[in-house]
């Protein structure tokens, strides 16, 4: 099993069955050199840290249940009172509650995302409305709503190192939920 990190919003999207895909920046130097020198993207998928059939366990914001010593609570649950959430970086495997099986991997540039893929990334009209409230994005001003939603989501997570405008090479990883 391999670990994968998701934000609280994306954990919620997975649990609601809206998120079936994730994009991760390719950091493998060999893969980037191949791609920049014209190698077909399908030839570098073997260099991805995740492979088809891998089982991934999600690391998410969590804590110990204050009423029980051996159970866990999760930030995604929303209505639970917790003074301070523990970082997903410190979540032990035994606290994992969500497991994913990798079903497909491909390579593309970030900006090549299709509307269908943006929807598979967890888009919903409600998430678009929330983003509008949080960031002041005009709901009526964008015609490619799911793609624009994803652009804003990407930059909210990755802007410092890999902003949308840099259009990095990325792994596109499809998955399905499975039981451990």
Foldseek 3Di string as FASTA:
>chain_A
DAEDEDELLQVLLQVVVFAFKDKDFDPPPVLQVCVVVPHAFVVCPVVDPDDAFDKYFYQAWKDPDPVDRPAIDGVNVPPDDDPDTDHSVPDDPVHTDWMKGWHDKTKDWPLVDDLVVLRNRRDDVVLLVVCCVVPVDDPPPDDSSSSVSVLSVCCVPPVVPDHSVNRGMIMMTGIHIDGD
